[in-house]
Amino acid sequence: MGRILCAGLGPGNPDLMSVRADRAIRAAGHVAYFRKKGRPGQARRIVEGMLAPGVTEYAMEYPVTTELPFDSPEYIACLAGFYDDWAARLAVLAQTEDVLVLCEGDPFFYGSFMHLYTRLEGRAAVEVIPGIPGMVGCWWATGTPITWGDDVLTVLMGTLPEAELLRHMQSADALVIMKTGRNLPRVRSALAAAGRLDQAWLVERGTMPGERVVPLIEVDGTDCPYFAIVLVHGHGRRPEVLE
C-alpha cells in the first residue's frame, strides 16, 4: 500500500520551506501539482532542481480559471468534476505507490488540496506537511509587524461583495485580503469607503523573484496581478508596555 503525501511549500521562496517538506520532495518518485493549462505551475516552479532523476510528474490542469464566474453553477460543476477525477486517479496510484502532491503556502489554508483531501477520505492513506502561509511571506516583505497587542486580524477574499468587504474592513484592526486579481478595483473601493486605502499595501509575488511591495493607493486600478495580497497593518489597540 502506498500513501498520498501533500507538502506545503511555503510562500514561494524555497529557503522558507520546512526541512520535512524538502526531504519528502527530494525522495518522491511520483509528484502531482496543480497548474493552469499551458503554464508551468507555481508549485512546480518552487521545487525546480529539487526533484529526483526519473520522477514521474502529474500536472493537474484546472479545466477553467477565470473563463466563468467563480460562483456560477457551470464553474462549480466543472471544478467538482476535476477534483473528483484527480482524487480517483491518485487513490488508484496510492494503492501501490507513494505520491507527493505539491501545494503552495499551507495545504489547509485555502489550498486546492483541501478539495482532494475531503474526497480521498477512506480511499487512501493521506498525510499533510504544513507550510508557511503565503500571507506570512507577504507581511514579512513589508518589514512591518502585521499585528500588535490586542489587534484583531481578519482575512478576507477579494471575491466577496463590496458591502461585505466594507463591513469587515470597518471592524478589523489588521487586514489580509487574498484573491485580488481582477477583484482589485472592488477591494480598493471598499478600502476607500472604510477610510483605510492610504494604509493599504499591495504585495505581489512575496518572497519570490519579481517581488513588488507598493502602497495600494499608488497602484493603477487596472493593475491586477494574480499573485498578490493586500495588507493593512494593525497599530495596537493599547500602548505596548514592553520594549
C-alpha atoms as a PDB file:
ATOM      1  CA  MET A   1       0.000   0.000   0.000  1.00  0.00           C
ATOM      2  CA  GLY A   2       1.184   3.477  -0.811  1.00  0.00           C
ATOM      3  CA  ARG A   3       0.063   6.820   0.516  1.00  0.00           C
ATOM      4  CA  ILE A   4      -0.659  10.351  -0.628  1.00  0.00           C
ATOM      5  CA  LEU A   5       1.550  12.965   0.971  1.00  0.00           C
ATOM      6  CA  CYS A   6       0.836  16.662   0.480  1.00  0.00           C
ATOM      7  CA  ALA A   7       3.752  19.023   1.066  1.00  0.00           C
ATOM      8  CA  GLY A   8       3.090  22.662   1.916  1.00  0.00           C
ATOM      9  CA  LEU A   9       5.763  24.622   0.058  1.00  0.00           C
ATOM     10  CA  GLY A  10       5.511  27.895   1.961  1.00  0.00           C
ATOM     11  CA  PRO A  11       5.169  31.394   0.470  1.00  0.00           C
ATOM     12  CA  GLY A  12       7.337  30.845  -2.607  1.00  0.00           C
ATOM     13  CA  ASN A  13      11.000  31.090  -1.697  1.00  0.00           C
ATOM     14  CA  PRO A  14      12.376  27.517  -1.410  1.00  0.00           C
ATOM     15  CA  ASP A  15      14.502  28.656   1.549  1.00  0.00           C
ATOM     16  CA  LEU A  16      11.268  29.117   3.532  1.00  0.00           C
ATOM     17  CA  MET A  17      10.182  25.515   3.037  1.00  0.00           C
ATOM     18  CA  SER A  18      10.247  23.149   6.021  1.00  0.00           C
ATOM     19  CA  VAL A  19      13.005  20.570   6.356  1.00  0.00           C
ATOM     20  CA  ARG A  20      10.373  17.833   6.298  1.00  0.00           C
ATOM     21  CA  ALA A  21       8.859  19.089   3.043  1.00  0.00           C
ATOM     22  CA  ASP A  22      12.322  19.385   1.482  1.00  0.00           C
ATOM     23  CA  ARG A  23      13.129  15.782   2.350  1.00  0.00           C
ATOM     24  CA  ALA A  24       9.811  14.498   1.036  1.00  0.00           C
ATOM     25  CA  ILE A  25      10.195  16.338  -2.269  1.00  0.00           C
ATOM     26  CA  ARG A  26      13.721  15.080  -2.907  1.00  0.00           C
ATOM     27  CA  ALA A  27      12.719  11.485  -2.101  1.00  0.00           C
ATOM     28  CA  ALA A  28       9.489  11.418  -4.138  1.00  0.00           C
ATOM     29  CA  GLY A  29       9.093   9.084  -7.108  1.00  0.00           C
ATOM     30  CA  HIS A  30       5.654  10.412  -8.120  1.00  0.00           C
ATOM     31  CA  VAL A  31       4.819  14.122  -7.901  1.00  0.00           C
ATOM     32  CA  ALA A  32       1.485  15.820  -8.665  1.00  0.00           C
ATOM     33  CA  TYR A  33       0.788  19.549  -8.764  1.00  0.00           C
ATOM     34  CA  PHE A  34      -1.910  21.989  -9.836  1.00  0.00           C
ATOM     35  CA  ARG A  35      -1.408  24.408 -12.681  1.00  0.00           C
ATOM     36  CA  LYS A  36      -3.222  26.463 -15.267  1.00  0.00           C
ATOM     37  CA  LYS A  37      -3.314  24.886 -18.717  1.00  0.00           C
ATOM     38  CA  GLY A  38      -0.230  25.827 -20.680  1.00  0.00           C
ATOM     39  CA  ARG A  39       1.603  27.171 -17.620  1.00  0.00           C
ATOM     40  CA  PRO A  40       4.475  25.502 -15.725  1.00  0.00           C
ATOM     41  CA  GLY A  41       2.650  25.926 -12.413  1.00  0.00           C
ATOM     42  CA  GLN A  42       3.709  27.946  -9.385  1.00  0.00           C
ATOM     43  CA  ALA A  43       4.168  24.887  -7.140  1.00  0.00           C
ATOM     44  CA  ARG A  44       6.309  23.168  -9.756  1.00  0.00           C
ATOM     45  CA  ARG A  45       8.436  26.276 -10.182  1.00  0.00           C
ATOM     46  CA  ILE A  46       9.200  26.380  -6.449  1.00  0.00           C
ATOM     47  CA  VAL A  47      10.676  22.860  -6.483  1.00  0.00           C
ATOM     48  CA  GLU A  48      12.712  23.296  -9.671  1.00  0.00           C
ATOM     49  CA  GLY A  49      16.013  21.465  -9.266  1.00  0.00           C
ATOM     50  CA  MET A  50      14.833  19.521  -6.207  1.00  0.00           C
ATOM     51  CA  LEU A  51      13.140  16.524  -7.833  1.00  0.00           C
ATOM     52  CA  ALA A  52      14.967  13.211  -8.156  1.00  0.00           C
ATOM     53  CA  PRO A  53      16.034  11.948 -11.611  1.00  0.00           C
ATOM     54  CA  GLY A  54      13.352   9.800 -13.211  1.00  0.00           C
ATOM     55  CA  VAL A  55      10.483  11.162 -11.131  1.00  0.00           C
ATOM     56  CA  THR A  56       7.035  10.751 -12.691  1.00  0.00           C
ATOM     57  CA  GLU A  57       5.105  14.033 -12.809  1.00  0.00           C
ATOM     58  CA  TYR A  58       1.344  14.559 -12.904  1.00  0.00           C
ATOM     59  CA  ALA A  59       0.218  18.036 -13.936  1.00  0.00           C
ATOM     60  CA  MET A  60      -3.305  18.561 -12.634  1.00  0.00           C
ATOM     61  CA  GLU A  61      -4.519  21.261 -15.031  1.00  0.00           C
ATOM     62  CA  TYR A  62      -7.543  23.283 -13.989  1.00  0.00           C
ATOM     63  CA  PRO A  63     -10.296  22.998 -16.615  1.00  0.00           C
ATOM     64  CA  VAL A  64     -11.292  26.632 -16.012  1.00  0.00           C
ATOM     65  CA  THR A  65      -9.807  29.586 -14.134  1.00  0.00           C
ATOM     66  CA  THR A  66     -11.320  32.963 -14.972  1.00  0.00           C
ATOM     67  CA  GLU A  67     -13.374  31.971 -18.029  1.00  0.00           C
ATOM     68  CA  LEU A  68     -16.526  31.558 -15.934  1.00  0.00           C
ATOM     69  CA  PRO A  69     -17.753  33.409 -12.827  1.00  0.00           C
ATOM     70  CA  PHE A  70     -16.377  31.526  -9.815  1.00  0.00           C
ATOM     71  CA  ASP A  71     -19.830  31.273  -8.212  1.00  0.00           C
ATOM     72  CA  SER A  72     -21.696  30.139 -11.323  1.00  0.00           C
ATOM     73  CA  PRO A  73     -23.209  26.621 -11.434  1.00  0.00           C
ATOM     74  CA  GLU A  74     -21.122  25.822 -14.526  1.00  0.00           C
ATOM     75  CA  TYR A  75     -17.865  26.758 -12.778  1.00  0.00           C
ATOM     76  CA  ILE A  76     -18.755  24.822  -9.624  1.00  0.00           C
ATOM     77  CA  ALA A  77     -19.756  21.706 -11.586  1.00  0.00           C
ATOM     78  CA  CYS A  78     -16.657  21.844 -13.760  1.00  0.00           C
ATOM     79  CA  LEU A  79     -14.283  22.149 -10.801  1.00  0.00           C
ATOM     80  CA  ALA A  80     -16.111  19.448  -8.845  1.00  0.00           C
ATOM     81  CA  GLY A  81     -15.664  17.029 -11.729  1.00  0.00           C
ATOM     82  CA  PHE A  82     -11.988  17.953 -11.974  1.00  0.00           C
ATOM     83  CA  TYR A  83     -11.390  17.223  -8.285  1.00  0.00           C
ATOM     84  CA  ASP A  84     -13.439  14.013  -8.455  1.00  0.00           C
ATOM     85  CA  ASP A  85     -11.342  12.765 -11.354  1.00  0.00           C
ATOM     86  CA  TRP A  86      -7.980  13.522  -9.781  1.00  0.00           C
ATOM     87  CA  ALA A  87      -8.963  12.124  -6.395  1.00  0.00           C
ATOM     88  CA  ALA A  88      -9.878   8.857  -8.115  1.00  0.00           C
ATOM     89  CA  ARG A  89      -6.630   8.786 -10.092  1.00  0.00           C
ATOM     90  CA  LEU A  90      -4.480   9.495  -7.056  1.00  0.00           C
ATOM     91  CA  ALA A  91      -6.346   6.907  -4.985  1.00  0.00           C
ATOM     92  CA  VAL A  92      -5.609   4.235  -7.597  1.00  0.00           C
ATOM     93  CA  LEU A  93      -1.940   5.213  -7.753  1.00  0.00           C
ATOM     94  CA  ALA A  94      -1.674   5.160  -3.954  1.00  0.00           C
ATOM     95  CA  GLN A  95      -2.728   1.506  -3.914  1.00  0.00           C
ATOM     96  CA  THR A  96       0.817   0.576  -4.904  1.00  0.00           C
ATOM     97  CA  GLU A  97       2.940   3.742  -4.795  1.00  0.00           C
ATOM     98  CA  ASP A  98       3.594   6.800  -2.679  1.00  0.00           C
ATOM     99  CA  VAL A  99       2.610  10.023  -4.449  1.00  0.00           C
ATOM    100  CA  LEU A 100       3.517  13.532  -3.352  1.00  0.00           C
ATOM    101  CA  VAL A 101       1.170  16.448  -4.038  1.00  0.00           C
ATOM    102  CA  LEU A 102       2.722  19.935  -4.047  1.00  0.00           C
ATOM    103  CA  CYS A 103       0.794  22.860  -2.562  1.00  0.00           C
ATOM    104  CA  GLU A 104       1.852  26.497  -2.265  1.00  0.00           C
ATOM    105  CA  GLY A 105       1.559  28.008   1.192  1.00  0.00           C
ATOM    106  CA  ASP A 106      -0.181  25.715   3.667  1.00  0.00           C
ATOM    107  CA  PRO A 107      -2.446  22.951   2.280  1.00  0.00           C
ATOM    108  CA  PHE A 108      -5.146  23.565   4.894  1.00  0.00           C
ATOM    109  CA  PHE A 109      -5.263  27.345   4.383  1.00  0.00           C
ATOM    110  CA  TYR A 110      -7.367  27.973   1.253  1.00  0.00           C
ATOM    111  CA  GLY A 111      -5.272  25.379  -0.600  1.00  0.00           C
ATOM    112  CA  SER A 112      -6.642  23.488  -3.603  1.00  0.00           C
ATOM    113  CA  PHE A 113      -5.523  20.243  -1.975  1.00  0.00           C
ATOM    114  CA  MET A 114      -8.377  20.538   0.540  1.00  0.00           C
ATOM    115  CA  HIS A 115     -10.790  19.564  -2.246  1.00  0.00           C
ATOM    116  CA  LEU A 116      -8.815  16.377  -2.851  1.00  0.00           C
ATOM    117  CA  TYR A 117      -8.377  15.710   0.870  1.00  0.00           C
ATOM    118  CA  THR A 118     -12.111  15.514   1.545  1.00  0.00           C
ATOM    119  CA  ARG A 119     -12.627  13.239  -1.482  1.00  0.00           C
ATOM    120  CA  LEU A 120      -9.795  10.882  -0.507  1.00  0.00           C
ATOM    121  CA  GLU A 121     -11.105  10.145   2.981  1.00  0.00           C
ATOM    122  CA  GLY A 122     -11.472   6.397   3.363  1.00  0.00           C
ATOM    123  CA  ARG A 123      -9.940   5.747  -0.060  1.00  0.00           C
ATOM    124  CA  ALA A 124      -6.240   6.235   0.624  1.00  0.00           C
ATOM    125  CA  ALA A 125      -3.770   6.953   3.410  1.00  0.00           C
ATOM    126  CA  VAL A 126      -3.180  10.720   3.399  1.00  0.00           C
ATOM    127  CA  GLU A 127      -0.579  12.768   5.262  1.00  0.00           C
ATOM    128  CA  VAL A 128      -0.121  16.539   5.153  1.00  0.00           C
ATOM    129  CA  ILE A 129       3.059  18.535   5.779  1.00  0.00           C
ATOM    130  CA  PRO A 130       2.171  22.090   6.890  1.00  0.00           C
ATOM    131  CA  GLY A 131       3.767  25.133   5.297  1.00  0.00           C
ATOM    132  CA  ILE A 132       4.163  28.843   5.976  1.00  0.00           C
ATOM    133  CA  PRO A 133       1.047  30.564   4.516  1.00  0.00           C
ATOM    134  CA  GLY A 134       1.705  32.922   1.635  1.00  0.00           C
ATOM    135  CA  MET A 135       0.313  35.900   3.547  1.00  0.00           C
ATOM    136  CA  VAL A 136       3.065  35.493   6.152  1.00  0.00           C
ATOM    137  CA  GLY A 137       5.708  35.893   3.469  1.00  0.00           C
ATOM    138  CA  CYS A 138       3.890  38.980   2.206  1.00  0.00           C
ATOM    139  CA  TRP A 139       3.705  40.836   5.504  1.00  0.00           C
ATOM    140  CA  TRP A 140       7.302  39.827   6.191  1.00  0.00           C
ATOM    141  CA  ALA A 141       8.209  41.521   2.873  1.00  0.00           C
ATOM    142  CA  THR A 142       6.799  44.845   4.156  1.00  0.00           C
ATOM    143  CA  GLY A 143       9.226  44.835   7.088  1.00  0.00           C
ATOM    144  CA  THR A 144       6.403  45.794   9.465  1.00  0.00           C
ATOM    145  CA  PRO A 145       4.576  43.631  12.034  1.00  0.00           C
ATOM    146  CA  ILE A 146       1.037  42.890  10.896  1.00  0.00           C
ATOM    147  CA  THR A 147      -0.435  42.955  14.422  1.00  0.00           C
ATOM    148  CA  TRP A 148       0.345  44.479  17.823  1.00  0.00           C
ATOM    149  CA  GLY A 149      -1.090  43.981  21.299  1.00  0.00           C
ATOM    150  CA  ASP A 150      -4.794  43.130  21.116  1.00  0.00           C
ATOM    151  CA  ASP A 151      -5.198  43.730  17.373  1.00  0.00           C
ATOM    152  CA  VAL A 152      -7.755  41.568  15.594  1.00  0.00           C
ATOM    153  CA  LEU A 153      -6.567  40.231  12.229  1.00  0.00           C
ATOM    154  CA  THR A 154      -9.203  39.495   9.577  1.00  0.00           C
ATOM    155  CA  VAL A 155      -8.516  37.520   6.399  1.00  0.00           C
ATOM    156  CA  LEU A 156     -10.850  38.386   3.520  1.00  0.00           C
ATOM    157  CA  MET A 157     -11.379  37.108  -0.020  1.00  0.00           C
ATOM    158  CA  GLY A 158     -11.468  39.780  -2.711  1.00  0.00           C
ATOM    159  CA  THR A 159     -14.299  37.809  -4.307  1.00  0.00           C
ATOM    160  CA  LEU A 160     -16.721  38.918  -1.571  1.00  0.00           C
ATOM    161  CA  PRO A 161     -19.380  41.553  -2.383  1.00  0.00           C
ATOM    162  CA  GLU A 162     -18.176  45.097  -1.736  1.00  0.00           C
ATOM    163  CA  ALA A 163     -20.677  45.632   1.097  1.00  0.00           C
ATOM    164  CA  GLU A 164     -19.345  42.549   2.869  1.00  0.00           C
ATOM    165  CA  LEU A 165     -15.741  43.683   2.387  1.00  0.00           C
ATOM    166  CA  LEU A 166     -16.593  47.107   3.771  1.00  0.00           C
ATOM    167  CA  ARG A 167     -18.260  45.653   6.865  1.00  0.00           C
ATOM    168  CA  HIS A 168     -15.193  43.636   7.809  1.00  0.00           C
ATOM    169  CA  MET A 169     -12.765  46.419   6.925  1.00  0.00           C
ATOM    170  CA  GLN A 170     -14.517  48.771   9.301  1.00  0.00           C
ATOM    171  CA  SER A 171     -14.351  46.388  12.261  1.00  0.00           C
ATOM    172  CA  ALA A 172     -10.919  44.734  11.973  1.00  0.00           C
ATOM    173  CA  ASP A 173      -7.626  46.221  13.171  1.00  0.00           C
ATOM    174  CA  ALA A 174      -5.425  44.450  10.614  1.00  0.00           C
ATOM    175  CA  LEU A 175      -6.427  43.056   7.234  1.00  0.00           C
ATOM    176  CA  VAL A 176      -5.191  40.455   4.785  1.00  0.00           C
ATOM    177  CA  ILE A 177      -7.099  40.436   1.504  1.00  0.00           C
ATOM    178  CA  MET A 178      -6.493  37.465  -0.778  1.00  0.00           C
ATOM    179  CA  LYS A 179      -7.772  36.562  -4.245  1.00  0.00           C
ATOM    180  CA  THR A 180      -7.268  40.082  -5.511  1.00  0.00           C
ATOM    181  CA  GLY A 181      -6.510  39.858  -9.244  1.00  0.00           C
ATOM    182  CA  ARG A 182      -9.402  41.274 -11.214  1.00  0.00           C
ATOM    183  CA  ASN A 183     -11.200  41.934  -7.904  1.00  0.00           C
ATOM    184  CA  LEU A 184      -8.670  44.630  -7.005  1.00  0.00           C
ATOM    185  CA  PRO A 185     -10.853  47.596  -8.091  1.00  0.00           C
ATOM    186  CA  ARG A 186     -13.632  46.411  -5.737  1.00  0.00           C
ATOM    187  CA  VAL A 187     -11.112  45.944  -2.916  1.00  0.00           C
ATOM    188  CA  ARG A 188      -9.773  49.472  -3.472  1.00  0.00           C
ATOM    189  CA  SER A 189     -13.276  50.909  -3.475  1.00  0.00           C
ATOM    190  CA  ALA A 190     -14.185  49.182  -0.211  1.00  0.00           C
ATOM    191  CA  LEU A 191     -10.951  50.295   1.466  1.00  0.00           C
ATOM    192  CA  ALA A 192     -11.577  53.871   0.346  1.00  0.00           C
ATOM    193  CA  ALA A 193     -15.120  53.749   1.743  1.00  0.00           C
ATOM    194  CA  ALA A 194     -13.730  52.424   5.036  1.00  0.00           C
ATOM    195  CA  GLY A 195     -11.172  55.252   5.141  1.00  0.00           C
ATOM    196  CA  ARG A 196      -8.261  52.797   5.017  1.00  0.00           C
ATOM    197  CA  LEU A 197      -6.977  52.983   1.449  1.00  0.00           C
ATOM    198  CA  ASP A 198      -3.999  55.125   2.410  1.00  0.00           C
ATOM    199  CA  GLN A 199      -2.929  52.461   4.951  1.00  0.00           C
ATOM    200  CA  ALA A 200      -3.027  49.550   2.495  1.00  0.00           C
ATOM    201  CA  TRP A 201      -0.134  47.798   0.755  1.00  0.00           C
ATOM    202  CA  LEU A 202      -0.086  45.601  -2.317  1.00  0.00           C
ATOM    203  CA  VAL A 203       2.466  42.787  -2.148  1.00  0.00           C
ATOM    204  CA  GLU A 204       2.960  40.916  -5.393  1.00  0.00           C
ATOM    205  CA  ARG A 205       4.911  37.642  -5.552  1.00  0.00           C
ATOM    206  CA  GLY A 206       6.009  37.923  -1.918  1.00  0.00           C
ATOM    207  CA  THR A 207       9.413  36.246  -1.217  1.00  0.00           C
ATOM    208  CA  MET A 208       9.686  35.265  -4.907  1.00  0.00           C
ATOM    209  CA  PRO A 209      11.630  36.652  -7.879  1.00  0.00           C
ATOM    210  CA  GLY A 210       9.958  39.828  -9.099  1.00  0.00           C
ATOM    211  CA  GLU A 211       8.613  40.715  -5.649  1.00  0.00           C
ATOM    212  CA  ARG A 212       6.874  44.095  -5.536  1.00  0.00           C
ATOM    213  CA  VAL A 213       5.789  45.944  -2.389  1.00  0.00           C
ATOM    214  CA  VAL A 214       3.940  49.202  -3.041  1.00  0.00           C
ATOM    215  CA  PRO A 215       1.297  51.389  -1.345  1.00  0.00           C
ATOM    216  CA  LEU A 216      -2.044  50.365  -2.839  1.00  0.00           C
ATOM    217  CA  ILE A 217      -3.051  53.977  -3.336  1.00  0.00           C
ATOM    218  CA  GLU A 218      -0.230  54.261  -5.909  1.00  0.00           C
ATOM    219  CA  VAL A 219      -1.380  51.233  -7.907  1.00  0.00           C
ATOM    220  CA  ASP A 220      -3.344  51.831 -11.088  1.00  0.00           C
ATOM    221  CA  GLY A 221      -6.872  50.450 -10.959  1.00  0.00           C
ATOM    222  CA  THR A 222      -6.186  48.239 -13.988  1.00  0.00           C
ATOM    223  CA  ASP A 223      -3.049  46.726 -12.424  1.00  0.00           C
ATOM    224  CA  CYS A 224      -4.441  43.448 -11.093  1.00  0.00           C
ATOM    225  CA  PRO A 225      -1.621  40.941 -10.565  1.00  0.00           C
ATOM    226  CA  TYR A 226      -2.689  37.367  -9.812  1.00  0.00           C
ATOM    227  CA  PHE A 227      -0.094  36.501  -7.157  1.00  0.00           C
ATOM    228  CA  ALA A 228      -0.811  39.490  -4.943  1.00  0.00           C
ATOM    229  CA  ILE A 229      -2.169  40.167  -1.476  1.00  0.00           C
ATOM    230  CA  VAL A 230      -3.425  43.436   0.008  1.00  0.00           C
ATOM    231  CA  LEU A 231      -2.391  44.195   3.595  1.00  0.00           C
ATOM    232  CA  VAL A 232      -3.450  46.740   6.188  1.00  0.00           C
ATOM    233  CA  HIS A 233      -1.247  46.647   9.285  1.00  0.00           C
ATOM    234  CA  GLY A 234      -2.648  46.911  12.793  1.00  0.00           C
ATOM    235  CA  HIS A 235      -1.270  49.555  15.162  1.00  0.00           C
ATOM    236  CA  GLY A 236      -2.208  48.138  18.537  1.00  0.00           C
ATOM    237  CA  ARG A 237      -5.404  48.719  20.485  1.00  0.00           C
ATOM    238  CA  ARG A 238      -3.472  49.821  23.578  1.00  0.00           C
ATOM    239  CA  PRO A 239       0.089  51.098  24.093  1.00  0.00           C
ATOM    240  CA  GLU A 240       2.781  48.468  24.381  1.00  0.00           C
ATOM    241  CA  VAL A 241       4.420  48.437  27.805  1.00  0.00           C
ATOM    242  CA  LEU A 242       7.236  46.076  26.898  1.00  0.00           C
ATOM    243  CA  GLU A 243      10.282  47.075  24.946  1.00  0.00           C
END
